[in-house]
Amino acid sequence: MQEEVIRSERIFQGRVVNLRVDTVRLPNGRLSQREIVEHRGAVAIVPMLDDETVLMIKQFRLAANEELLEVPAGTLEPGEAPEVCAARELEEETGYRAGTLRPLFSQYLAPGYSQEILHVFLAQNLERTAQQTEEDENVEVVPMPIGRAVELVLSGEIKDAKTIAALLVTHYILSNRR
């Protein structure tokens, strides 16, 4: 089932993503093209203020053209370890530092057209610091019971894929440790 790349052409290079078009030979010998979004990867963090309260963030997302409720997340800097990025993004977006940062899982966001891998962490034993959002970020921290966040996932009010996966896995883990 492997596809062989015959030719690769980068057609866009941006600050966050690049786009390339690969010509591939399929297992049946035919040629096809694949549009690939190159992304250096990202992290998402589920910050638990206590055993029941998750810190969500609310922000406007232009691509979705709406305000979304999400877990904090951010893009890896070149060469940056996911744990380092998670700690940095958590503090920047929420104003909290994690005493414990536990890796939960890694996932491809859209493997049909993107290389991006997202590393998801559970942050606990939080210590208040100061929120330090980027100049182009407008982020509101929204604490809520994790059970309520899961209800918002199930009702369709939380639409962000990374947030849905991160909340459901966290809720499952926290519910089964009791």
N, C-alpha and C. Protein backbone atom coordinates (compact mmCIF):
# COMPACT_ATOMS: atom_id res chain seq x y z
N MET A 1 0.81 -1.21 0.00
CA MET A 1 0.00 0.00 0.00
C MET A 1 0.85 1.26 0.00
N GLN A 2 2.15 1.11 0.04
CA GLN A 2 3.06 2.26 0.06
C GLN A 2 2.99 3.03 -1.26
N GLU A 3 3.07 4.34 -1.18
CA GLU A 3 3.14 5.19 -2.37
C GLU A 3 4.57 5.70 -2.52
N GLU A 4 5.09 5.69 -3.73
CA GLU A 4 6.45 6.15 -4.00
C GLU A 4 6.39 7.58 -4.53
N VAL A 5 7.11 8.49 -3.88
CA VAL A 5 7.16 9.88 -4.34
C VAL A 5 8.11 9.96 -5.53
N ILE A 6 7.58 10.41 -6.67
CA ILE A 6 8.35 10.54 -7.90
C ILE A 6 8.93 11.95 -8.02
N ARG A 7 8.13 12.95 -7.60
CA ARG A 7 8.54 14.34 -7.70
C ARG A 7 7.82 15.12 -6.60
N SER A 8 8.49 16.15 -6.09
CA SER A 8 7.92 16.98 -5.04
C SER A 8 8.20 18.44 -5.38
N GLU A 9 7.16 19.27 -5.28
CA GLU A 9 7.32 20.69 -5.59
C GLU A 9 6.64 21.53 -4.49
N ARG A 10 7.44 22.37 -3.84
CA ARG A 10 6.87 23.28 -2.83
C ARG A 10 6.26 24.46 -3.58
N ILE A 11 4.97 24.71 -3.35
CA ILE A 11 4.30 25.80 -4.06
C ILE A 11 3.97 26.99 -3.17
N PHE A 12 4.13 26.81 -1.85
CA PHE A 12 3.91 27.92 -0.94
C PHE A 12 4.76 27.71 0.29
N GLN A 13 5.40 28.78 0.76
CA GLN A 13 6.16 28.72 2.00
C GLN A 13 5.69 29.87 2.88
N GLY A 14 5.13 29.52 4.02
CA GLY A 14 4.60 30.53 4.93
C GLY A 14 5.28 30.49 6.28
N ARG A 15 4.76 31.29 7.19
CA ARG A 15 5.31 31.37 8.54
C ARG A 15 4.93 30.14 9.37
N VAL A 16 3.71 29.64 9.17
CA VAL A 16 3.20 28.52 9.96
C VAL A 16 3.18 27.22 9.17
N VAL A 17 2.80 27.30 7.90
CA VAL A 17 2.70 26.10 7.06
C VAL A 17 3.36 26.33 5.71
N ASN A 18 3.75 25.22 5.11
CA ASN A 18 4.20 25.19 3.72
C ASN A 18 3.25 24.24 2.99
N LEU A 19 3.15 24.42 1.67
CA LEU A 19 2.32 23.53 0.87
C LEU A 19 3.17 23.00 -0.27
N ARG A 20 3.13 21.66 -0.42
CA ARG A 20 3.85 21.06 -1.53
C ARG A 20 2.90 20.12 -2.26
N VAL A 21 3.23 19.87 -3.53
CA VAL A 21 2.48 18.91 -4.33
C VAL A 21 3.44 17.80 -4.71
N ASP A 22 3.09 16.58 -4.29
CA ASP A 22 3.91 15.41 -4.60
C ASP A 22 3.23 14.61 -5.71
N THR A 23 4.01 14.18 -6.68
CA THR A 23 3.55 13.21 -7.66
C THR A 23 3.98 11.85 -7.14
N VAL A 24 3.03 10.91 -7.03
CA VAL A 24 3.31 9.61 -6.45
C VAL A 24 2.94 8.48 -7.41
N ARG A 25 3.66 7.39 -7.26
CA ARG A 25 3.30 6.17 -7.98
C ARG A 25 2.53 5.30 -6.99
N LEU A 26 1.31 4.95 -7.37
CA LEU A 26 0.46 4.12 -6.53
C LEU A 26 0.89 2.65 -6.63
N PRO A 27 0.47 1.81 -5.70
CA PRO A 27 0.83 0.39 -5.76
C PRO A 27 0.43 -0.29 -7.08
N ASN A 28 -0.62 0.22 -7.73
CA ASN A 28 -1.06 -0.37 -9.00
C ASN A 28 -0.28 0.18 -10.20
N GLY A 29 0.72 1.06 -9.95
CA GLY A 29 1.56 1.60 -11.00
C GLY A 29 1.10 2.94 -11.56
N ARG A 30 -0.12 3.35 -11.27
CA ARG A 30 -0.64 4.63 -11.77
C ARG A 30 0.01 5.79 -11.01
N LEU A 31 0.00 6.96 -11.65
CA LEU A 31 0.50 8.18 -11.02
C LEU A 31 -0.66 9.00 -10.50
N SER A 32 -0.42 9.69 -9.41
CA SER A 32 -1.42 10.58 -8.83
C SER A 32 -0.70 11.74 -8.16
N GLN A 33 -1.44 12.72 -7.70
CA GLN A 33 -0.85 13.85 -6.99
C GLN A 33 -1.43 13.94 -5.59
N ARG A 34 -0.58 14.37 -4.67
CA ARG A 34 -0.97 14.59 -3.28
C ARG A 34 -0.58 16.00 -2.89
N GLU A 35 -1.52 16.75 -2.35
CA GLU A 35 -1.23 18.08 -1.80
C GLU A 35 -0.96 17.88 -0.32
N ILE A 36 0.23 18.31 0.12
CA ILE A 36 0.67 18.07 1.50
C ILE A 36 0.94 19.39 2.20
N VAL A 37 0.29 19.59 3.34
CA VAL A 37 0.58 20.72 4.20
C VAL A 37 1.71 20.30 5.13
N GLU A 38 2.82 21.03 5.08
CA GLU A 38 3.95 20.78 5.97
C GLU A 38 3.80 21.68 7.19
N HIS A 39 3.87 21.08 8.37
CA HIS A 39 3.73 21.81 9.63
C HIS A 39 4.67 21.17 10.63
N ARG A 40 5.36 21.95 11.44
CA ARG A 40 6.37 21.38 12.33
C ARG A 40 5.80 20.72 13.58
N GLY A 41 4.50 20.71 13.74
CA GLY A 41 3.88 20.04 14.88
C GLY A 41 3.43 21.02 15.93
N ALA A 42 2.63 20.52 16.85
CA ALA A 42 2.04 21.39 17.86
C ALA A 42 1.76 20.59 19.14
N VAL A 43 1.33 21.31 20.14
CA VAL A 43 0.95 20.70 21.42
C VAL A 43 -0.42 21.23 21.82
N ALA A 44 -1.10 20.46 22.64
CA ALA A 44 -2.33 20.89 23.30
C ALA A 44 -2.22 20.46 24.76
N ILE A 45 -2.78 21.26 25.63
CA ILE A 45 -2.66 21.02 27.05
C ILE A 45 -4.03 21.05 27.70
N VAL A 46 -4.31 20.07 28.55
CA VAL A 46 -5.54 20.07 29.34
C VAL A 46 -5.13 20.47 30.76
N PRO A 47 -5.31 21.76 31.11
CA PRO A 47 -4.89 22.22 32.43
C PRO A 47 -6.00 22.01 33.47
N MET A 48 -5.71 21.18 34.47
CA MET A 48 -6.68 20.92 35.53
C MET A 48 -6.32 21.77 36.74
N LEU A 49 -7.18 22.74 37.03
CA LEU A 49 -6.96 23.64 38.17
C LEU A 49 -7.06 22.86 39.48
N ASP A 50 -7.98 21.92 39.52
CA ASP A 50 -8.13 20.97 40.63
C ASP A 50 -8.70 19.69 40.02
N ASP A 51 -9.17 18.78 40.83
CA ASP A 51 -9.65 17.49 40.30
C ASP A 51 -10.87 17.61 39.40
N GLU A 52 -11.60 18.70 39.48
CA GLU A 52 -12.84 18.85 38.73
C GLU A 52 -12.83 19.99 37.71
N THR A 53 -11.92 20.94 37.83
CA THR A 53 -11.97 22.17 37.04
C THR A 53 -10.90 22.22 35.97
N VAL A 54 -11.35 22.33 34.71
CA VAL A 54 -10.43 22.47 33.59
C VAL A 54 -10.39 23.93 33.17
N LEU A 55 -9.21 24.41 32.78
CA LEU A 55 -9.08 25.77 32.27
C LEU A 55 -9.16 25.71 30.74
N MET A 56 -10.23 26.25 30.20
CA MET A 56 -10.41 26.33 28.76
C MET A 56 -10.04 27.74 28.33
N ILE A 57 -9.86 27.92 27.03
CA ILE A 57 -9.66 29.27 26.50
C ILE A 57 -10.69 29.53 25.42
N LYS A 58 -11.09 30.77 25.33
CA LYS A 58 -12.03 31.19 24.30
C LYS A 58 -11.30 32.20 23.43
N GLN A 59 -11.39 31.99 22.11
CA GLN A 59 -10.77 32.93 21.18
C GLN A 59 -11.47 32.85 19.82
N PHE A 60 -11.39 33.95 19.09
CA PHE A 60 -11.94 33.99 17.74
C PHE A 60 -10.97 33.33 16.79
N ARG A 61 -11.49 32.44 15.94
CA ARG A 61 -10.67 31.75 14.94
C ARG A 61 -11.17 32.14 13.57
N LEU A 62 -10.38 32.89 12.83
CA LEU A 62 -10.79 33.40 11.54
C LEU A 62 -11.14 32.29 10.55
N ALA A 63 -10.35 31.21 10.52
CA ALA A 63 -10.62 30.13 9.57
C ALA A 63 -12.00 29.53 9.80
N ALA A 64 -12.45 29.45 11.04
CA ALA A 64 -13.78 28.94 11.37
C ALA A 64 -14.82 30.06 11.38
N ASN A 65 -14.35 31.30 11.39
CA ASN A 65 -15.19 32.49 11.46
C ASN A 65 -16.12 32.47 12.67
N GLU A 66 -15.58 32.02 13.79
CA GLU A 66 -16.36 32.05 15.03
C GLU A 66 -15.44 31.97 16.24
N GLU A 67 -16.02 32.30 17.38
CA GLU A 67 -15.33 32.19 18.65
C GLU A 67 -15.42 30.74 19.10
N LEU A 68 -14.28 30.15 19.44
CA LEU A 68 -14.26 28.74 19.83
C LEU A 68 -13.77 28.58 21.26
N LEU A 69 -14.30 27.57 21.93
CA LEU A 69 -13.84 27.17 23.25
C LEU A 69 -12.89 26.00 23.03
N GLU A 70 -11.65 26.15 23.51
CA GLU A 70 -10.59 25.17 23.22
C GLU A 70 -9.74 24.93 24.46
N VAL A 71 -8.93 23.87 24.39
CA VAL A 71 -7.84 23.73 25.36
C VAL A 71 -6.68 24.56 24.82
N PRO A 72 -5.79 25.03 25.69
CA PRO A 72 -4.64 25.79 25.22
C PRO A 72 -3.77 24.94 24.28
N ALA A 73 -3.18 25.58 23.29
CA ALA A 73 -2.36 24.86 22.30
C ALA A 73 -1.40 25.83 21.64
N GLY A 74 -0.42 25.26 20.97
CA GLY A 74 0.52 26.11 20.24
C GLY A 74 1.46 25.29 19.39
N THR A 75 2.12 25.99 18.48
CA THR A 75 3.03 25.37 17.53
C THR A 75 4.43 25.22 18.11
N LEU A 76 5.05 24.09 17.83
CA LEU A 76 6.43 23.86 18.23
C LEU A 76 7.36 24.83 17.51
N GLU A 77 8.33 25.37 18.23
CA GLU A 77 9.40 26.14 17.61
C GLU A 77 10.37 25.14 16.99
N PRO A 78 11.15 25.54 15.98
CA PRO A 78 12.11 24.60 15.38
C PRO A 78 13.03 23.99 16.43
N GLY A 79 13.08 22.65 16.47
CA GLY A 79 13.94 21.94 17.41
C GLY A 79 13.43 21.86 18.84
N GLU A 80 12.26 22.42 19.12
CA GLU A 80 11.73 22.45 20.48
C GLU A 80 11.08 21.12 20.84
N ALA A 81 11.34 20.63 22.04
CA ALA A 81 10.71 19.41 22.54
C ALA A 81 9.24 19.69 22.87
N PRO A 82 8.35 18.74 22.61
CA PRO A 82 6.93 18.96 22.90
C PRO A 82 6.65 19.35 24.35
N GLU A 83 7.37 18.76 25.32
CA GLU A 83 7.13 19.09 26.74
C GLU A 83 7.48 20.55 27.03
N VAL A 84 8.56 21.03 26.42
CA VAL A 84 8.98 22.42 26.61
C VAL A 84 7.94 23.36 26.01
N CYS A 85 7.46 23.03 24.83
CA CYS A 85 6.44 23.84 24.17
C CYS A 85 5.15 23.86 24.99
N ALA A 86 4.76 22.69 25.51
CA ALA A 86 3.53 22.61 26.31
C ALA A 86 3.62 23.50 27.55
N ALA A 87 4.75 23.45 28.24
CA ALA A 87 4.93 24.29 29.43
C ALA A 87 4.87 25.77 29.06
N ARG A 88 5.52 26.13 27.96
CA ARG A 88 5.55 27.53 27.50
C ARG A 88 4.15 28.00 27.11
N GLU A 89 3.47 27.22 26.29
CA GLU A 89 2.14 27.62 25.81
C GLU A 89 1.13 27.70 26.95
N LEU A 90 1.20 26.77 27.90
CA LEU A 90 0.29 26.80 29.04
C LEU A 90 0.42 28.11 29.79
N GLU A 91 1.65 28.50 30.08
CA GLU A 91 1.87 29.73 30.85
C GLU A 91 1.49 30.96 30.04
N GLU A 92 1.87 30.99 28.76
CA GLU A 92 1.54 32.14 27.91
C GLU A 92 0.03 32.35 27.81
N GLU A 93 -0.71 31.27 27.55
CA GLU A 93 -2.14 31.42 27.26
C GLU A 93 -3.02 31.49 28.49
N THR A 94 -2.62 30.81 29.59
CA THR A 94 -3.50 30.78 30.76
C THR A 94 -2.97 31.54 31.96
N GLY A 95 -1.65 31.76 32.02
CA GLY A 95 -1.08 32.39 33.20
C GLY A 95 -0.87 31.40 34.33
N TYR A 96 -0.74 30.10 33.99
CA TYR A 96 -0.46 29.07 34.98
C TYR A 96 0.74 28.24 34.55
N ARG A 97 1.50 27.79 35.54
CA ARG A 97 2.63 26.88 35.31
C ARG A 97 2.23 25.53 35.89
N ALA A 98 2.59 24.45 35.19
CA ALA A 98 2.24 23.11 35.64
C ALA A 98 3.30 22.55 36.58
N GLY A 99 2.85 22.02 37.73
CA GLY A 99 3.75 21.28 38.60
C GLY A 99 4.01 19.90 38.02
N THR A 100 2.99 19.37 37.34
CA THR A 100 3.07 18.05 36.69
C THR A 100 2.55 18.18 35.27
N LEU A 101 3.34 17.72 34.32
CA LEU A 101 2.96 17.75 32.91
C LEU A 101 3.11 16.33 32.38
N ARG A 102 1.98 15.69 32.09
CA ARG A 102 1.97 14.28 31.71
C ARG A 102 1.56 14.11 30.25
N PRO A 103 2.38 13.44 29.44
CA PRO A 103 1.96 13.20 28.05
C PRO A 103 0.78 12.23 28.02
N LEU A 104 -0.23 12.55 27.21
CA LEU A 104 -1.41 11.69 27.09
C LEU A 104 -1.39 10.88 25.80
N PHE A 105 -1.23 11.56 24.66
CA PHE A 105 -1.21 10.89 23.37
C PHE A 105 -0.72 11.86 22.31
N SER A 106 -0.40 11.32 21.15
CA SER A 106 -0.06 12.13 19.98
C SER A 106 -0.99 11.70 18.86
N GLN A 107 -1.37 12.66 18.01
CA GLN A 107 -2.32 12.34 16.94
C GLN A 107 -2.01 13.16 15.70
N TYR A 108 -2.29 12.57 14.54
CA TYR A 108 -2.29 13.33 13.30
C TYR A 108 -3.61 14.08 13.25
N LEU A 109 -3.58 15.34 12.86
CA LEU A 109 -4.81 16.12 12.80
C LEU A 109 -5.60 15.85 11.53
N ALA A 110 -4.92 15.74 10.40
CA ALA A 110 -5.61 15.50 9.12
C ALA A 110 -4.63 14.79 8.19
N PRO A 111 -4.36 13.50 8.41
CA PRO A 111 -3.31 12.81 7.66
C PRO A 111 -3.59 12.65 6.17
N GLY A 112 -4.78 12.98 5.72
CA GLY A 112 -5.07 12.94 4.30
C GLY A 112 -4.35 14.04 3.53
N TYR A 113 -3.98 15.13 4.22
CA TYR A 113 -3.31 16.24 3.53
C TYR A 113 -2.30 16.99 4.38
N SER A 114 -2.10 16.58 5.63
CA SER A 114 -1.19 17.33 6.50
C SER A 114 -0.25 16.40 7.26
N GLN A 115 0.99 16.86 7.46
CA GLN A 115 1.98 16.13 8.26
C GLN A 115 1.86 16.45 9.75
N GLU A 116 1.05 17.40 10.12
CA GLU A 116 1.05 17.90 11.49
C GLU A 116 0.71 16.81 12.50
N ILE A 117 1.57 16.71 13.50
CA ILE A 117 1.32 15.83 14.65
C ILE A 117 1.11 16.73 15.87
N LEU A 118 0.08 16.42 16.63
CA LEU A 118 -0.26 17.17 17.84
C LEU A 118 0.03 16.28 19.04
N HIS A 119 0.80 16.81 20.00
CA HIS A 119 1.14 16.09 21.23
C HIS A 119 0.28 16.68 22.34
N VAL A 120 -0.48 15.83 23.03
CA VAL A 120 -1.44 16.30 24.04
C VAL A 120 -0.94 15.94 25.43
N PHE A 121 -1.03 16.91 26.34
CA PHE A 121 -0.53 16.77 27.70
C PHE A 121 -1.62 17.10 28.71
N LEU A 122 -1.54 16.45 29.87
CA LEU A 122 -2.37 16.78 31.02
C LEU A 122 -1.50 17.57 31.98
N ALA A 123 -1.96 18.76 32.35
CA ALA A 123 -1.23 19.62 33.28
C ALA A 123 -1.99 19.66 34.61
N GLN A 124 -1.27 19.37 35.69
CA GLN A 124 -1.87 19.37 37.02
C GLN A 124 -0.94 20.09 38.00
N ASN A 125 -1.44 20.29 39.22
CA ASN A 125 -0.69 21.01 40.26
C ASN A 125 -0.26 22.38 39.73
N LEU A 126 -1.25 23.12 39.26
CA LEU A 126 -1.00 24.41 38.63
C LEU A 126 -0.65 25.49 39.64
N GLU A 127 0.26 26.35 39.23
CA GLU A 127 0.67 27.50 40.03
C GLU A 127 0.43 28.76 39.21
N ARG A 128 -0.25 29.74 39.80
CA ARG A 128 -0.59 30.99 39.11
C ARG A 128 0.67 31.79 38.84
N THR A 129 0.81 32.26 37.59
CA THR A 129 1.90 33.18 37.23
C THR A 129 1.24 34.38 36.55
N ALA A 130 1.58 34.66 35.33
CA ALA A 130 0.96 35.76 34.60
C ALA A 130 0.76 35.34 33.15
N GLN A 131 -0.40 35.65 32.63
CA GLN A 131 -0.70 35.37 31.23
C GLN A 131 0.17 36.26 30.35
N GLN A 132 0.76 35.67 29.30
CA GLN A 132 1.67 36.41 28.42
C GLN A 132 1.34 36.09 26.97
N THR A 133 0.15 36.42 26.53
CA THR A 133 -0.25 36.11 25.16
C THR A 133 0.57 36.90 24.15
N GLU A 134 0.64 36.35 22.94
CA GLU A 134 1.33 37.02 21.84
C GLU A 134 0.55 38.28 21.46
N GLU A 135 1.20 39.19 20.74
CA GLU A 135 0.56 40.45 20.35
C GLU A 135 -0.70 40.23 19.52
N ASP A 136 -0.72 39.17 18.71
CA ASP A 136 -1.87 38.94 17.83
C ASP A 136 -2.89 37.96 18.42
N GLU A 137 -2.76 37.63 19.71
CA GLU A 137 -3.70 36.72 20.36
C GLU A 137 -4.63 37.48 21.29
N ASN A 138 -5.89 37.12 21.25
CA ASN A 138 -6.89 37.65 22.18
C ASN A 138 -7.57 36.45 22.81
N VAL A 139 -7.11 36.07 24.00
CA VAL A 139 -7.50 34.83 24.64
C VAL A 139 -8.17 35.11 25.98
N GLU A 140 -9.32 34.49 26.20
CA GLU A 140 -10.01 34.59 27.50
C GLU A 140 -9.95 33.23 28.17
N VAL A 141 -9.48 33.18 29.42
CA VAL A 141 -9.43 31.93 30.18
C VAL A 141 -10.81 31.67 30.78
N VAL A 142 -11.32 30.44 30.57
CA VAL A 142 -12.65 30.07 31.04
C VAL A 142 -12.55 28.80 31.88
N PRO A 143 -12.54 28.93 33.21
CA PRO A 143 -12.54 27.73 34.06
C PRO A 143 -13.95 27.10 34.06
N MET A 144 -14.00 25.77 34.02
CA MET A 144 -15.30 25.10 34.09
C MET A 144 -15.11 23.67 34.57
N PRO A 145 -16.16 23.08 35.15
CA PRO A 145 -16.06 21.67 35.53
C PRO A 145 -15.82 20.82 34.28
N ILE A 146 -14.94 19.84 34.39
CA ILE A 146 -14.64 19.02 33.22
C ILE A 146 -15.88 18.28 32.74
N GLY A 147 -16.77 17.93 33.66
CA GLY A 147 -18.03 17.29 33.25
C GLY A 147 -18.85 18.20 32.35
N ARG A 148 -18.86 19.49 32.64
CA ARG A 148 -19.56 20.47 31.80
C ARG A 148 -18.89 20.58 30.43
N ALA A 149 -17.57 20.56 30.41
CA ALA A 149 -16.85 20.63 29.14
C ALA A 149 -17.20 19.41 28.27
N VAL A 150 -17.29 18.24 28.88
CA VAL A 150 -17.67 17.03 28.13
C VAL A 150 -19.11 17.16 27.61
N GLU A 151 -19.99 17.73 28.41
CA GLU A 151 -21.37 17.98 27.95
C GLU A 151 -21.37 18.88 26.71
N LEU A 152 -20.51 19.91 26.71
CA LEU A 152 -20.42 20.81 25.57
C LEU A 152 -19.86 20.10 24.33
N VAL A 153 -18.98 19.12 24.54
CA VAL A 153 -18.51 18.29 23.43
C VAL A 153 -19.68 17.49 22.87
N LEU A 154 -20.41 16.82 23.74
CA LEU A 154 -21.50 15.93 23.31
C LEU A 154 -22.67 16.69 22.69
N SER A 155 -22.86 17.95 23.08
CA SER A 155 -23.94 18.75 22.50
C SER A 155 -23.52 19.43 21.19
N GLY A 156 -22.25 19.33 20.85
CA GLY A 156 -21.77 19.95 19.62
C GLY A 156 -21.34 21.39 19.78
N GLU A 157 -21.36 21.92 20.99
CA GLU A 157 -20.95 23.31 21.20
C GLU A 157 -19.43 23.47 21.15
N ILE A 158 -18.69 22.46 21.57
CA ILE A 158 -17.24 22.46 21.38
C ILE A 158 -17.01 21.71 20.08
N LYS A 159 -16.40 22.41 19.10
CA LYS A 159 -16.25 21.88 17.74
C LYS A 159 -14.80 21.60 17.36
N ASP A 160 -13.86 22.03 18.15
CA ASP A 160 -12.45 21.90 17.85
C ASP A 160 -11.99 20.47 18.10
N ALA A 161 -11.43 19.81 17.06
CA ALA A 161 -11.08 18.40 17.14
C ALA A 161 -10.06 18.09 18.23
N LYS A 162 -9.00 18.91 18.36
CA LYS A 162 -7.99 18.63 19.38
C LYS A 162 -8.59 18.72 20.77
N THR A 163 -9.49 19.67 20.95
CA THR A 163 -10.14 19.86 22.25
C THR A 163 -11.06 18.70 22.57
N ILE A 164 -11.81 18.24 21.59
CA ILE A 164 -12.71 17.11 21.80
C ILE A 164 -11.92 15.88 22.24
N ALA A 165 -10.88 15.54 21.49
CA ALA A 165 -10.07 14.36 21.83
C ALA A 165 -9.41 14.53 23.19
N ALA A 166 -8.82 15.69 23.44
CA ALA A 166 -8.10 15.92 24.70
C ALA A 166 -9.03 15.85 25.91
N LEU A 167 -10.21 16.45 25.80
CA LEU A 167 -11.15 16.43 26.93
C LEU A 167 -11.70 15.03 27.19
N LEU A 168 -12.04 14.31 26.13
CA LEU A 168 -12.61 12.98 26.32
C LEU A 168 -11.59 12.01 26.92
N VAL A 169 -10.34 12.07 26.45
CA VAL A 169 -9.31 11.21 27.02
C VAL A 169 -9.04 11.59 28.47
N THR A 170 -8.93 12.87 28.76
CA THR A 170 -8.68 13.32 30.13
C THR A 170 -9.82 12.91 31.05
N HIS A 171 -11.05 13.13 30.62
CA HIS A 171 -12.21 12.76 31.44
C HIS A 171 -12.20 11.27 31.72
N TYR A 172 -11.90 10.46 30.71
CA TYR A 172 -11.83 9.01 30.89
C TYR A 172 -10.76 8.64 31.92
N ILE A 173 -9.57 9.22 31.78
CA ILE A 173 -8.46 8.91 32.70
C ILE A 173 -8.81 9.32 34.13
N LEU A 174 -9.32 10.54 34.29
CA LEU A 174 -9.63 11.02 35.63
C LEU A 174 -10.79 10.25 36.26
N SER A 175 -11.77 9.86 35.46
CA SER A 175 -12.92 9.11 35.97
C SER A 175 -12.54 7.70 36.39
N ASN A 176 -11.55 7.11 35.74
CA ASN A 176 -11.18 5.72 36.01
C ASN A 176 -10.07 5.57 37.03
N ARG A 177 -9.57 6.66 37.55
CA ARG A 177 -8.55 6.54 38.60
C ARG A 177 -9.17 6.56 39.99
N ARG A 178 -10.44 6.88 40.04
CA ARG A 178 -11.12 6.98 41.35
C ARG A 178 -11.55 5.64 41.85
